[in-house]
Structures are given as structure tokens and as C-alpha cells.
Amino acid sequence: MNLPAMTTPAPMRCLRCGRTLTSPPSIAAGFGPGCTRHFRRVAPTLPGFTDRQIADALELLELGGIVPLRGRHVWLTIGHRGTAYRTASTGQCTCVAGAHGKPCHHAAAVRLVAA
């Protein structure tokens, strides 16, 4: 008699520190409460970004709009209209502002995760 194998889903881990996430809001965002506090503490000190870009970056992180593509070097980020952009931890982004060499909120979000 063959019984189907019971598998438990792998625990979700924080994208920044790797700790196991247990609360539904943390799982949805991909970051634990400690990392979320870190983002809020470090955000005002990011040089080269406007207050609006910092606010948009924090919103992007809270909504879980950032996913790692290649380790911690390249991230998939979501724009305001739902478009996906590739953003490097060095600040390059495939969005319109990034294509013109200007800082964008996608780059700010990636820098907050990398900080």
C-alpha cells in the first residue's frame, strides 16, 4: 500500500537577515519586525534620495514588492503601475529614472535591504 508523502512547507525566511517568519504580515512582506524597524531607522540617512523616494521605498518594502533574483546583488522590484524592474544593489535600475542615471525609489528600497 502506497501512502502519499506528507510534506510540510519550508518555513518562510526574512529576505534580509534570514530569520524564520511566523506572523502573516511578516510573511506577506518578506521581512521580520526587526528588519522593518531597521528600514525605518536607516531610511532618513540614505544620501541622494528625496523624502518622497524614501517614503515610496518604505511602502515598496512593506507591501512585499521586492524579490531577490541573484543572491543579494540583483532584485526584482515593482513600480507604481505594476511594472517589474531589475534593480542592482549598486543603484542601477531598469526604470525610466534609472535609465537616465537618476536615483529612484527602487534603488532606495534595495539599498535599505542591503544596509
PDB file of N, CA and C in Angstrom:
ATOM      1  N   MET A   1       0.838  -1.164   0.000  1.00  0.00           N
ATOM      2  CA  MET A   1       0.000   0.000   0.000  1.00  0.00           C
ATOM      3  C   MET A   1       0.893   1.241   0.000  1.00  0.00           C
ATOM      4  N   ASN A   2       0.702   2.105  -0.963  1.00  0.00           N
ATOM      5  CA  ASN A   2       1.488   3.333  -1.073  1.00  0.00           C
ATOM      6  C   ASN A   2       0.719   4.499  -0.474  1.00  0.00           C
ATOM      7  N   LEU A   3       1.339   5.161   0.469  1.00  0.00           N
ATOM      8  CA  LEU A   3       0.749   6.345   1.075  1.00  0.00           C
ATOM      9  C   LEU A   3       1.439   7.576   0.511  1.00  0.00           C
ATOM     10  N   PRO A   4       0.683   8.613   0.234  1.00  0.00           N
ATOM     11  CA  PRO A   4       1.331   9.826  -0.263  1.00  0.00           C
ATOM     12  C   PRO A   4       2.225  10.427   0.817  1.00  0.00           C
ATOM     13  N   ALA A   5       3.352  10.903   0.389  1.00  0.00           N
ATOM     14  CA  ALA A   5       4.293  11.507   1.333  1.00  0.00           C
ATOM     15  C   ALA A   5       3.731  12.832   1.834  1.00  0.00           C
ATOM     16  N   MET A   6       3.753  13.000   3.124  1.00  0.00           N
ATOM     17  CA  MET A   6       3.294  14.249   3.729  1.00  0.00           C
ATOM     18  C   MET A   6       4.490  15.192   3.813  1.00  0.00           C
ATOM     19  N   THR A   7       4.383  16.287   3.156  1.00  0.00           N
ATOM     20  CA  THR A   7       5.472  17.256   3.202  1.00  0.00           C
ATOM     21  C   THR A   7       4.977  18.520   3.875  1.00  0.00           C
ATOM     22  N   THR A   8       5.818  19.078   4.670  1.00  0.00           N
ATOM     23  CA  THR A   8       5.490  20.348   5.304  1.00  0.00           C
ATOM     24  C   THR A   8       6.171  21.448   4.495  1.00  0.00           C
ATOM     25  N   PRO A   9       5.502  22.561   4.311  1.00  0.00           N
ATOM     26  CA  PRO A   9       6.124  23.633   3.534  1.00  0.00           C
ATOM     27  C   PRO A   9       7.351  24.179   4.258  1.00  0.00           C
ATOM     28  N   ALA A  10       8.328  24.574   3.485  1.00  0.00           N
ATOM     29  CA  ALA A  10       9.536  25.154   4.069  1.00  0.00           C
ATOM     30  C   ALA A  10       9.163  26.459   4.762  1.00  0.00           C
ATOM     31  N   PRO A  11       9.757  26.720   5.918  1.00  0.00           N
ATOM     32  CA  PRO A  11       9.420  27.966   6.613  1.00  0.00           C
ATOM     33  C   PRO A  11       9.895  29.173   5.803  1.00  0.00           C
ATOM     34  N   MET A  12       9.094  30.206   5.822  1.00  0.00           N
ATOM     35  CA  MET A  12       9.453  31.443   5.135  1.00  0.00           C
ATOM     36  C   MET A  12      10.519  32.154   5.943  1.00  0.00           C
ATOM     37  N   ARG A  13      11.521  32.682   5.270  1.00  0.00           N
ATOM     38  CA  ARG A  13      12.620  33.363   5.949  1.00  0.00           C
ATOM     39  C   ARG A  13      12.689  34.824   5.514  1.00  0.00           C
ATOM     40  N   CYS A  14      13.179  35.660   6.417  1.00  0.00           N
ATOM     41  CA  CYS A  14      13.346  37.080   6.145  1.00  0.00           C
ATOM     42  C   CYS A  14      14.351  37.250   5.003  1.00  0.00           C
ATOM     43  N   LEU A  15      14.036  38.115   4.049  1.00  0.00           N
ATOM     44  CA  LEU A  15      14.915  38.339   2.908  1.00  0.00           C
ATOM     45  C   LEU A  15      16.190  39.075   3.288  1.00  0.00           C
ATOM     46  N   ARG A  16      16.193  39.745   4.436  1.00  0.00           N
ATOM     47  CA  ARG A  16      17.375  40.494   4.845  1.00  0.00           C
ATOM     48  C   ARG A  16      18.255  39.706   5.808  1.00  0.00           C
ATOM     49  N   CYS A  17      17.678  39.188   6.897  1.00  0.00           N
ATOM     50  CA  CYS A  17      18.500  38.554   7.932  1.00  0.00           C
ATOM     51  C   CYS A  17      18.417  37.033   7.936  1.00  0.00           C
ATOM     52  N   GLY A  18      17.422  36.464   7.272  1.00  0.00           N
ATOM     53  CA  GLY A  18      17.312  35.014   7.191  1.00  0.00           C
ATOM     54  C   GLY A  18      16.570  34.353   8.336  1.00  0.00           C
ATOM     55  N   ARG A  19      16.051  35.117   9.277  1.00  0.00           N
ATOM     56  CA  ARG A  19      15.300  34.522  10.387  1.00  0.00           C
ATOM     57  C   ARG A  19      13.960  33.986   9.903  1.00  0.00           C
ATOM     58  N   THR A  20      13.443  32.982  10.620  1.00  0.00           N
ATOM     59  CA  THR A  20      12.157  32.395  10.266  1.00  0.00           C
ATOM     60  C   THR A  20      11.033  33.382  10.567  1.00  0.00           C
ATOM     61  N   LEU A  21      10.127  33.544   9.608  1.00  0.00           N
ATOM     62  CA  LEU A  21       8.982  34.438   9.776  1.00  0.00           C
ATOM     63  C   LEU A  21       7.771  33.616  10.188  1.00  0.00           C
ATOM     64  N   THR A  22       7.023  34.105  11.185  1.00  0.00           N
ATOM     65  CA  THR A  22       5.862  33.364  11.669  1.00  0.00           C
ATOM     66  C   THR A  22       4.556  34.137  11.537  1.00  0.00           C
ATOM     67  N   SER A  23       4.588  35.455  11.656  1.00  0.00           N
ATOM     68  CA  SER A  23       3.336  36.219  11.595  1.00  0.00           C
ATOM     69  C   SER A  23       2.932  36.447  10.137  1.00  0.00           C
ATOM     70  N   PRO A  24       1.630  36.405   9.854  1.00  0.00           N
ATOM     71  CA  PRO A  24       1.163  36.608   8.474  1.00  0.00           C
ATOM     72  C   PRO A  24       1.612  37.928   7.834  1.00  0.00           C
ATOM     73  N   PRO A  25       1.598  39.072   8.559  1.00  0.00           N
ATOM     74  CA  PRO A  25       2.082  40.301   7.912  1.00  0.00           C
ATOM     75  C   PRO A  25       3.565  40.225   7.538  1.00  0.00           C
ATOM     76  N   SER A  26       4.369  39.610   8.393  1.00  0.00           N
ATOM     77  CA  SER A  26       5.792  39.470   8.087  1.00  0.00           C
ATOM     78  C   SER A  26       6.008  38.554   6.899  1.00  0.00           C
ATOM     79  N   ILE A  27       5.250  37.473   6.836  1.00  0.00           N
ATOM     80  CA  ILE A  27       5.365  36.539   5.712  1.00  0.00           C
ATOM     81  C   ILE A  27       4.961  37.239   4.419  1.00  0.00           C
ATOM     82  N   ALA A  28       3.902  38.045   4.468  1.00  0.00           N
ATOM     83  CA  ALA A  28       3.440  38.749   3.268  1.00  0.00           C
ATOM     84  C   ALA A  28       4.480  39.751   2.772  1.00  0.00           C
ATOM     85  N   ALA A  29       5.131  40.451   3.697  1.00  0.00           N
ATOM     86  CA  ALA A  29       6.121  41.457   3.309  1.00  0.00           C
ATOM     87  C   ALA A  29       7.471  40.839   2.980  1.00  0.00           C
ATOM     88  N   GLY A  30       7.789  39.703   3.606  1.00  0.00           N
ATOM     89  CA  GLY A  30       9.084  39.075   3.377  1.00  0.00           C
ATOM     90  C   GLY A  30      10.158  39.526   4.346  1.00  0.00           C
ATOM     91  N   PHE A  31       9.786  40.361   5.315  1.00  0.00           N
ATOM     92  CA  PHE A  31      10.735  40.882   6.288  1.00  0.00           C
ATOM     93  C   PHE A  31      10.138  40.794   7.681  1.00  0.00           C
ATOM     94  N   GLY A  32      10.982  40.514   8.673  1.00  0.00           N
ATOM     95  CA  GLY A  32      10.536  40.435  10.051  1.00  0.00           C
ATOM     96  C   GLY A  32      10.416  41.814  10.683  1.00  0.00           C
ATOM     97  N   PRO A  33       9.885  41.870  11.911  1.00  0.00           N
ATOM     98  CA  PRO A  33       9.698  43.165  12.569  1.00  0.00           C
ATOM     99  C   PRO A  33      11.013  43.876  12.874  1.00  0.00           C
ATOM    100  N   GLY A  34      12.060  43.128  13.179  1.00  0.00           N
ATOM    101  CA  GLY A  34      13.358  43.750  13.446  1.00  0.00           C
ATOM    102  C   GLY A  34      13.927  44.432  12.215  1.00  0.00           C
ATOM    103  N   CYS A  35      13.817  43.779  11.075  1.00  0.00           N
ATOM    104  CA  CYS A  35      14.308  44.374   9.831  1.00  0.00           C
ATOM    105  C   CYS A  35      13.442  45.554   9.414  1.00  0.00           C
ATOM    106  N   THR A  36      12.148  45.473   9.659  1.00  0.00           N
ATOM    107  CA  THR A  36      11.261  46.592   9.340  1.00  0.00           C
ATOM    108  C   THR A  36      11.627  47.810  10.177  1.00  0.00           C
ATOM    109  N   ARG A  37      11.924  47.598  11.461  1.00  0.00           N
ATOM    110  CA  ARG A  37      12.378  48.708  12.308  1.00  0.00           C
ATOM    111  C   ARG A  37      13.696  49.263  11.787  1.00  0.00           C
ATOM    112  N   HIS A  38      14.589  48.383  11.336  1.00  0.00           N
ATOM    113  CA  HIS A  38      15.875  48.807  10.779  1.00  0.00           C
ATOM    114  C   HIS A  38      15.656  49.716   9.562  1.00  0.00           C
ATOM    115  N   PHE A  39      14.729  49.341   8.681  1.00  0.00           N
ATOM    116  CA  PHE A  39      14.450  50.153   7.494  1.00  0.00           C
ATOM    117  C   PHE A  39      14.005  51.552   7.901  1.00  0.00           C
ATOM    118  N   ARG A  40      13.113  51.638   8.869  1.00  0.00           N
ATOM    119  CA  ARG A  40      12.587  52.936   9.304  1.00  0.00           C
ATOM    120  C   ARG A  40      13.672  53.789   9.972  1.00  0.00           C
ATOM    121  N   ARG A  41      14.610  53.117  10.657  1.00  0.00           N
ATOM    122  CA  ARG A  41      15.677  53.837  11.342  1.00  0.00           C
ATOM    123  C   ARG A  41      16.734  54.338  10.352  1.00  0.00           C
ATOM    124  N   VAL A  42      17.065  53.526   9.356  1.00  0.00           N
ATOM    125  CA  VAL A  42      18.137  53.854   8.420  1.00  0.00           C
ATOM    126  C   VAL A  42      17.658  54.746   7.275  1.00  0.00           C
ATOM    127  N   ALA A  43      16.380  54.684   6.933  1.00  0.00           N
ATOM    128  CA  ALA A  43      15.854  55.392   5.758  1.00  0.00           C
ATOM    129  C   ALA A  43      16.189  56.884   5.731  1.00  0.00           C
ATOM    130  N   PRO A  44      16.031  57.620   6.823  1.00  0.00           N
ATOM    131  CA  PRO A  44      16.327  59.060   6.740  1.00  0.00           C
ATOM    132  C   PRO A  44      17.795  59.378   6.470  1.00  0.00           C
ATOM    133  N   THR A  45      18.685  58.422   6.649  1.00  0.00           N
ATOM    134  CA  THR A  45      20.111  58.679   6.461  1.00  0.00           C
ATOM    135  C   THR A  45      20.613  58.315   5.069  1.00  0.00           C
ATOM    136  N   LEU A  46      19.734  57.828   4.181  1.00  0.00           N
ATOM    137  CA  LEU A  46      20.170  57.475   2.828  1.00  0.00           C
ATOM    138  C   LEU A  46      20.472  58.746   2.038  1.00  0.00           C
ATOM    139  N   PRO A  47      21.701  58.906   1.566  1.00  0.00           N
ATOM    140  CA  PRO A  47      22.025  60.117   0.806  1.00  0.00           C
ATOM    141  C   PRO A  47      21.566  60.013  -0.649  1.00  0.00           C
ATOM    142  N   GLY A  48      21.192  61.136  -1.226  1.00  0.00           N
ATOM    143  CA  GLY A  48      20.872  61.189  -2.645  1.00  0.00           C
ATOM    144  C   GLY A  48      19.434  60.881  -3.013  1.00  0.00           C
ATOM    145  N   PHE A  49      18.559  60.694  -2.039  1.00  0.00           N
ATOM    146  CA  PHE A  49      17.157  60.383  -2.317  1.00  0.00           C
ATOM    147  C   PHE A  49      16.264  61.435  -1.675  1.00  0.00           C
ATOM    148  N   THR A  50      15.161  61.755  -2.341  1.00  0.00           N
ATOM    149  CA  THR A  50      14.211  62.723  -1.791  1.00  0.00           C
ATOM    150  C   THR A  50      13.341  62.045  -0.731  1.00  0.00           C
ATOM    151  N   ASP A  51      12.636  62.864   0.037  1.00  0.00           N
ATOM    152  CA  ASP A  51      11.730  62.316   1.052  1.00  0.00           C
ATOM    153  C   ASP A  51      10.643  61.457   0.409  1.00  0.00           C
ATOM    154  N   ARG A  52      10.161  61.866  -0.740  1.00  0.00           N
ATOM    155  CA  ARG A  52       9.126  61.098  -1.462  1.00  0.00           C
ATOM    156  C   ARG A  52       9.669  59.731  -1.886  1.00  0.00           C
ATOM    157  N   GLN A  53      10.908  59.696  -2.377  1.00  0.00           N
ATOM    158  CA  GLN A  53      11.510  58.428  -2.785  1.00  0.00           C
ATOM    159  C   GLN A  53      11.698  57.497  -1.588  1.00  0.00           C
ATOM    160  N   ILE A  54      12.089  58.046  -0.453  1.00  0.00           N
ATOM    161  CA  ILE A  54      12.253  57.238   0.761  1.00  0.00           C
ATOM    162  C   ILE A  54      10.903  56.680   1.192  1.00  0.00           C
ATOM    163  N   ALA A  55       9.863  57.511   1.169  1.00  0.00           N
ATOM    164  CA  ALA A  55       8.523  57.046   1.549  1.00  0.00           C
ATOM    165  C   ALA A  55       8.043  55.955   0.598  1.00  0.00           C
ATOM    166  N   ASP A  56       8.284  56.128  -0.699  1.00  0.00           N
ATOM    167  CA  ASP A  56       7.888  55.108  -1.675  1.00  0.00           C
ATOM    168  C   ASP A  56       8.685  53.822  -1.487  1.00  0.00           C
ATOM    169  N   ALA A  57       9.959  53.954  -1.136  1.00  0.00           N
ATOM    170  CA  ALA A  57      10.792  52.771  -0.898  1.00  0.00           C
ATOM    171  C   ALA A  57      10.290  51.993   0.316  1.00  0.00           C
ATOM    172  N   LEU A  58       9.940  52.694   1.384  1.00  0.00           N
ATOM    173  CA  LEU A  58       9.410  52.027   2.575  1.00  0.00           C
ATOM    174  C   LEU A  58       8.082  51.346   2.270  1.00  0.00           C
ATOM    175  N   GLU A  59       7.243  52.003   1.468  1.00  0.00           N
ATOM    176  CA  GLU A  59       5.971  51.397   1.077  1.00  0.00           C
ATOM    177  C   GLU A  59       6.207  50.143   0.234  1.00  0.00           C
ATOM    178  N   LEU A  60       7.172  50.206  -0.672  1.00  0.00           N
ATOM    179  CA  LEU A  60       7.511  49.054  -1.506  1.00  0.00           C
ATOM    180  C   LEU A  60       7.943  47.869  -0.644  1.00  0.00           C
ATOM    181  N   LEU A  61       8.740  48.137   0.380  1.00  0.00           N
ATOM    182  CA  LEU A  61       9.189  47.071   1.280  1.00  0.00           C
ATOM    183  C   LEU A  61       8.038  46.520   2.112  1.00  0.00           C
ATOM    184  N   GLU A  62       7.166  47.393   2.611  1.00  0.00           N
ATOM    185  CA  GLU A  62       6.043  46.949   3.435  1.00  0.00           C
ATOM    186  C   GLU A  62       5.058  46.087   2.653  1.00  0.00           C
ATOM    187  N   LEU A  63       4.912  46.373   1.365  1.00  0.00           N
ATOM    188  CA  LEU A  63       3.968  45.626   0.535  1.00  0.00           C
ATOM    189  C   LEU A  63       4.586  44.375  -0.083  1.00  0.00           C
ATOM    190  N   GLY A  64       5.850  44.121   0.189  1.00  0.00           N
ATOM    191  CA  GLY A  64       6.500  42.926  -0.346  1.00  0.00           C
ATOM    192  C   GLY A  64       6.796  43.022  -1.830  1.00  0.00           C
ATOM    193  N   GLY A  65       7.060  44.214  -2.326  1.00  0.00           N
ATOM    194  CA  GLY A  65       7.305  44.420  -3.746  1.00  0.00           C
ATOM    195  C   GLY A  65       8.748  44.299  -4.156  1.00  0.00           C
ATOM    196  N   ILE A  66       9.525  43.505  -3.439  1.00  0.00           N
ATOM    197  CA  ILE A  66      10.936  43.322  -3.758  1.00  0.00           C
ATOM    198  C   ILE A  66      11.294  41.854  -3.544  1.00  0.00           C
ATOM    199  N   VAL A  67      11.951  41.256  -4.547  1.00  0.00           N
ATOM    200  CA  VAL A  67      12.295  39.832  -4.507  1.00  0.00           C
ATOM    201  C   VAL A  67      13.724  39.674  -5.019  1.00  0.00           C
ATOM    202  N   PRO A  68      14.558  38.882  -4.338  1.00  0.00           N
ATOM    203  CA  PRO A  68      15.927  38.700  -4.836  1.00  0.00           C
ATOM    204  C   PRO A  68      15.953  37.848  -6.106  1.00  0.00           C
ATOM    205  N   LEU A  69      16.759  38.270  -7.085  1.00  0.00           N
ATOM    206  CA  LEU A  69      16.939  37.487  -8.307  1.00  0.00           C
ATOM    207  C   LEU A  69      18.259  36.730  -8.290  1.00  0.00           C
ATOM    208  N   ARG A  70      19.330  37.425  -7.966  1.00  0.00           N
ATOM    209  CA  ARG A  70      20.661  36.817  -7.935  1.00  0.00           C
ATOM    210  C   ARG A  70      21.303  37.113  -6.587  1.00  0.00           C
ATOM    211  N   GLY A  71      21.024  36.257  -5.627  1.00  0.00           N
ATOM    212  CA  GLY A  71      21.572  36.471  -4.292  1.00  0.00           C
ATOM    213  C   GLY A  71      21.106  37.801  -3.737  1.00  0.00           C
ATOM    214  N   ARG A  72      22.049  38.583  -3.258  1.00  0.00           N
ATOM    215  CA  ARG A  72      21.721  39.911  -2.735  1.00  0.00           C
ATOM    216  C   ARG A  72      22.269  41.004  -3.654  1.00  0.00           C
ATOM    217  N   HIS A  73      22.489  40.666  -4.930  1.00  0.00           N
ATOM    218  CA  HIS A  73      23.070  41.633  -5.863  1.00  0.00           C
ATOM    219  C   HIS A  73      22.047  42.246  -6.804  1.00  0.00           C
ATOM    220  N   VAL A  74      21.115  41.455  -7.294  1.00  0.00           N
ATOM    221  CA  VAL A  74      20.089  41.949  -8.216  1.00  0.00           C
ATOM    222  C   VAL A  74      18.722  41.591  -7.648  1.00  0.00           C
ATOM    223  N   TRP A  75      17.822  42.565  -7.642  1.00  0.00           N
ATOM    224  CA  TRP A  75      16.494  42.403  -7.063  1.00  0.00           C
ATOM    225  C   TRP A  75      15.436  42.728  -8.099  1.00  0.00           C
ATOM    226  N   LEU A  76      14.323  42.048  -8.023  1.00  0.00           N
ATOM    227  CA  LEU A  76      13.161  42.352  -8.850  1.00  0.00           C
ATOM    228  C   LEU A  76      12.259  43.245  -8.016  1.00  0.00           C
ATOM    229  N   THR A  77      12.000  44.452  -8.495  1.00  0.00           N
ATOM    230  CA  THR A  77      11.163  45.404  -7.768  1.00  0.00           C
ATOM    231  C   THR A  77       9.943  45.751  -8.617  1.00  0.00           C
ATOM    232  N   ILE A  78       8.890  46.177  -7.956  1.00  0.00           N
ATOM    233  CA  ILE A  78       7.642  46.507  -8.631  1.00  0.00           C
ATOM    234  C   ILE A  78       7.434  48.020  -8.594  1.00  0.00           C
ATOM    235  N   GLY A  79       7.041  48.589  -9.727  1.00  0.00           N
ATOM    236  CA  GLY A  79       6.786  50.025  -9.817  1.00  0.00           C
ATOM    237  C   GLY A  79       5.363  50.374  -9.420  1.00  0.00           C
ATOM    238  N   HIS A  80       5.039  51.658  -9.482  1.00  0.00           N
ATOM    239  CA  HIS A  80       3.714  52.143  -9.092  1.00  0.00           C
ATOM    240  C   HIS A  80       2.601  51.567  -9.955  1.00  0.00           C
ATOM    241  N   ARG A  81       2.887  51.312 -11.205  1.00  0.00           N
ATOM    242  CA  ARG A  81       1.858  50.812 -12.123  1.00  0.00           C
ATOM    243  C   ARG A  81       1.921  49.302 -12.304  1.00  0.00           C
ATOM    244  N   GLY A  82       2.688  48.620 -11.468  1.00  0.00           N
ATOM    245  CA  GLY A  82       2.758  47.166 -11.529  1.00  0.00           C
ATOM    246  C   GLY A  82       3.838  46.620 -12.439  1.00  0.00           C
ATOM    247  N   THR A  83       4.656  47.466 -13.005  1.00  0.00           N
ATOM    248  CA  THR A  83       5.734  47.032 -13.882  1.00  0.00           C
ATOM    249  C   THR A  83       6.896  46.516 -13.048  1.00  0.00           C
ATOM    250  N   ALA A  84       7.501  45.412 -13.487  1.00  0.00           N
ATOM    251  CA  ALA A  84       8.644  44.832 -12.780  1.00  0.00           C
ATOM    252  C   ALA A  84       9.939  45.424 -13.327  1.00  0.00           C
ATOM    253  N   TYR A  85      10.841  45.770 -12.429  1.00  0.00           N
ATOM    254  CA  TYR A  85      12.145  46.319 -12.794  1.00  0.00           C
ATOM    255  C   TYR A  85      13.238  45.509 -12.119  1.00  0.00           C
ATOM    256  N   ARG A  86      14.381  45.446 -12.776  1.00  0.00           N
ATOM    257  CA  ARG A  86      15.555  44.820 -12.170  1.00  0.00           C
ATOM    258  C   ARG A  86      16.405  45.937 -11.575  1.00  0.00           C
ATOM    259  N   THR A  87      16.721  45.781 -10.296  1.00  0.00           N
ATOM    260  CA  THR A  87      17.473  46.810  -9.596  1.00  0.00           C
ATOM    261  C   THR A  87      18.678  46.168  -8.929  1.00  0.00           C
ATOM    262  N   ALA A  88      19.856  46.722  -9.183  1.00  0.00           N
ATOM    263  CA  ALA A  88      21.090  46.198  -8.603  1.00  0.00           C
ATOM    264  C   ALA A  88      21.347  46.855  -7.256  1.00  0.00           C
ATOM    265  N   SER A  89      22.082  46.156  -6.405  1.00  0.00           N
ATOM    266  CA  SER A  89      22.394  46.707  -5.088  1.00  0.00           C
ATOM    267  C   SER A  89      23.330  47.910  -5.197  1.00  0.00           C
ATOM    268  N   THR A  90      23.950  48.109  -6.357  1.00  0.00           N
ATOM    269  CA  THR A  90      24.813  49.270  -6.562  1.00  0.00           C
ATOM    270  C   THR A  90      24.040  50.509  -6.988  1.00  0.00           C
ATOM    271  N   GLY A  91      22.721  50.381  -7.234  1.00  0.00           N
ATOM    272  CA  GLY A  91      21.889  51.530  -7.540  1.00  0.00           C
ATOM    273  C   GLY A  91      21.360  51.590  -8.954  1.00  0.00           C
ATOM    274  N   GLN A  92      21.864  50.757  -9.862  1.00  0.00           N
ATOM    275  CA  GLN A  92      21.343  50.771 -11.227  1.00  0.00           C
ATOM    276  C   GLN A  92      19.959  50.143 -11.252  1.00  0.00           C
ATOM    277  N   CYS A  93      19.073  50.714 -12.077  1.00  0.00           N
ATOM    278  CA  CYS A  93      17.703  50.226 -12.178  1.00  0.00           C
ATOM    279  C   CYS A  93      17.253  50.327 -13.627  1.00  0.00           C
ATOM    280  N   THR A  94      16.323  49.459 -14.023  1.00  0.00           N
ATOM    281  CA  THR A  94      15.820  49.477 -15.396  1.00  0.00           C
ATOM    282  C   THR A  94      14.583  50.350 -15.559  1.00  0.00           C
ATOM    283  N   CYS A  95      14.198  51.109 -14.532  1.00  0.00           N
ATOM    284  CA  CYS A  95      13.052  52.014 -14.656  1.00  0.00           C
ATOM    285  C   CYS A  95      13.471  53.248 -15.462  1.00  0.00           C
ATOM    286  N   VAL A  96      12.525  54.124 -15.756  1.00  0.00           N
ATOM    287  CA  VAL A  96      12.806  55.309 -16.574  1.00  0.00           C
ATOM    288  C   VAL A  96      13.847  56.205 -15.906  1.00  0.00           C
ATOM    289  N   ALA A  97      13.685  56.468 -14.612  1.00  0.00           N
ATOM    290  CA  ALA A  97      14.649  57.320 -13.911  1.00  0.00           C
ATOM    291  C   ALA A  97      16.027  56.663 -13.890  1.00  0.00           C
ATOM    292  N   GLY A  98      16.065  55.367 -13.609  1.00  0.00           N
ATOM    293  CA  GLY A  98      17.334  54.652 -13.577  1.00  0.00           C
ATOM    294  C   GLY A  98      18.017  54.620 -14.927  1.00  0.00           C
ATOM    295  N   ALA A  99      17.240  54.524 -16.003  1.00  0.00           N
ATOM    296  CA  ALA A  99      17.814  54.522 -17.351  1.00  0.00           C
ATOM    297  C   ALA A  99      18.468  55.862 -17.678  1.00  0.00           C
ATOM    298  N   HIS A 100      18.015  56.936 -17.021  1.00  0.00           N
ATOM    299  CA  HIS A 100      18.611  58.256 -17.222  1.00  0.00           C
ATOM    300  C   HIS A 100      19.675  58.568 -16.167  1.00  0.00           C
ATOM    301  N   GLY A 101      20.028  57.584 -15.353  1.00  0.00           N
ATOM    302  CA  GLY A 101      21.070  57.769 -14.356  1.00  0.00           C
ATOM    303  C   GLY A 101      20.639  58.524 -13.119  1.00  0.00           C
ATOM    304  N   LYS A 102      19.334  58.645 -12.904  1.00  0.00           N
ATOM    305  CA  LYS A 102      18.826  59.357 -11.735  1.00  0.00           C
ATOM    306  C   LYS A 102      18.439  58.357 -10.650  1.00  0.00           C
ATOM    307  N   PRO A 103      18.513  58.765  -9.381  1.00  0.00           N
ATOM    308  CA  PRO A 103      18.096  57.854  -8.306  1.00  0.00           C
ATOM    309  C   PRO A 103      16.586  57.629  -8.333  1.00  0.00           C
ATOM    310  N   CYS A 104      16.171  56.413  -7.972  1.00  0.00           N
ATOM    311  CA  CYS A 104      14.743  56.067  -7.953  1.00  0.00           C
ATOM    312  C   CYS A 104      14.409  55.374  -6.637  1.00  0.00           C
ATOM    313  N   HIS A 105      13.109  55.246  -6.351  1.00  0.00           N
ATOM    314  CA  HIS A 105      12.717  54.616  -5.090  1.00  0.00           C
ATOM    315  C   HIS A 105      13.021  53.119  -5.094  1.00  0.00           C
ATOM    316  N   HIS A 106      13.149  52.502  -6.270  1.00  0.00           N
ATOM    317  CA  HIS A 106      13.521  51.085  -6.333  1.00  0.00           C
ATOM    318  C   HIS A 106      14.939  50.903  -5.786  1.00  0.00           C
ATOM    319  N   ALA A 107      15.843  51.785  -6.213  1.00  0.00           N
ATOM    320  CA  ALA A 107      17.227  51.723  -5.732  1.00  0.00           C
ATOM    321  C   ALA A 107      17.294  52.010  -4.237  1.00  0.00           C
ATOM    322  N   ALA A 108      16.462  52.932  -3.757  1.00  0.00           N
ATOM    323  CA  ALA A 108      16.434  53.230  -2.320  1.00  0.00           C
ATOM    324  C   ALA A 108      15.985  52.009  -1.528  1.00  0.00           C
ATOM    325  N   ALA A 109      14.968  51.300  -2.022  1.00  0.00           N
ATOM    326  CA  ALA A 109      14.489  50.097  -1.330  1.00  0.00           C
ATOM    327  C   ALA A 109      15.570  49.024  -1.285  1.00  0.00           C
ATOM    328  N   VAL A 110      16.266  48.831  -2.390  1.00  0.00           N
ATOM    329  CA  VAL A 110      17.328  47.819  -2.425  1.00  0.00           C
ATOM    330  C   VAL A 110      18.463  48.212  -1.490  1.00  0.00           C
ATOM    331  N   ARG A 111      18.800  49.486  -1.434  1.00  0.00           N
ATOM    332  CA  ARG A 111      19.861  49.921  -0.515  1.00  0.00           C
ATOM    333  C   ARG A 111      19.453  49.731   0.939  1.00  0.00           C
ATOM    334  N   LEU A 112      18.175  49.914   1.244  1.00  0.00           N
ATOM    335  CA  LEU A 112      17.716  49.675   2.618  1.00  0.00           C
ATOM    336  C   LEU A 112      17.859  48.207   2.989  1.00  0.00           C
ATOM    337  N   VAL A 113      17.560  47.312   2.058  1.00  0.00           N
ATOM    338  CA  VAL A 113      17.692  45.879   2.335  1.00  0.00           C
ATOM    339  C   VAL A 113      19.161  45.511   2.476  1.00  0.00           C
ATOM    340  N   ALA A 114      20.008  46.102   1.655  1.00  0.00           N
ATOM    341  CA  ALA A 114      21.432  45.772   1.680  1.00  0.00           C
ATOM    342  C   ALA A 114      22.155  46.414   2.861  1.00  0.00           C
ATOM    343  N   ALA A 115      21.570  47.458   3.465  1.00  0.00           N
ATOM    344  CA  ALA A 115      22.239  48.170   4.568  1.00  0.00           C
ATOM    345  C   ALA A 115      22.275  47.349   5.829  1.00  0.00           C
TER     346      ALA A 115
END
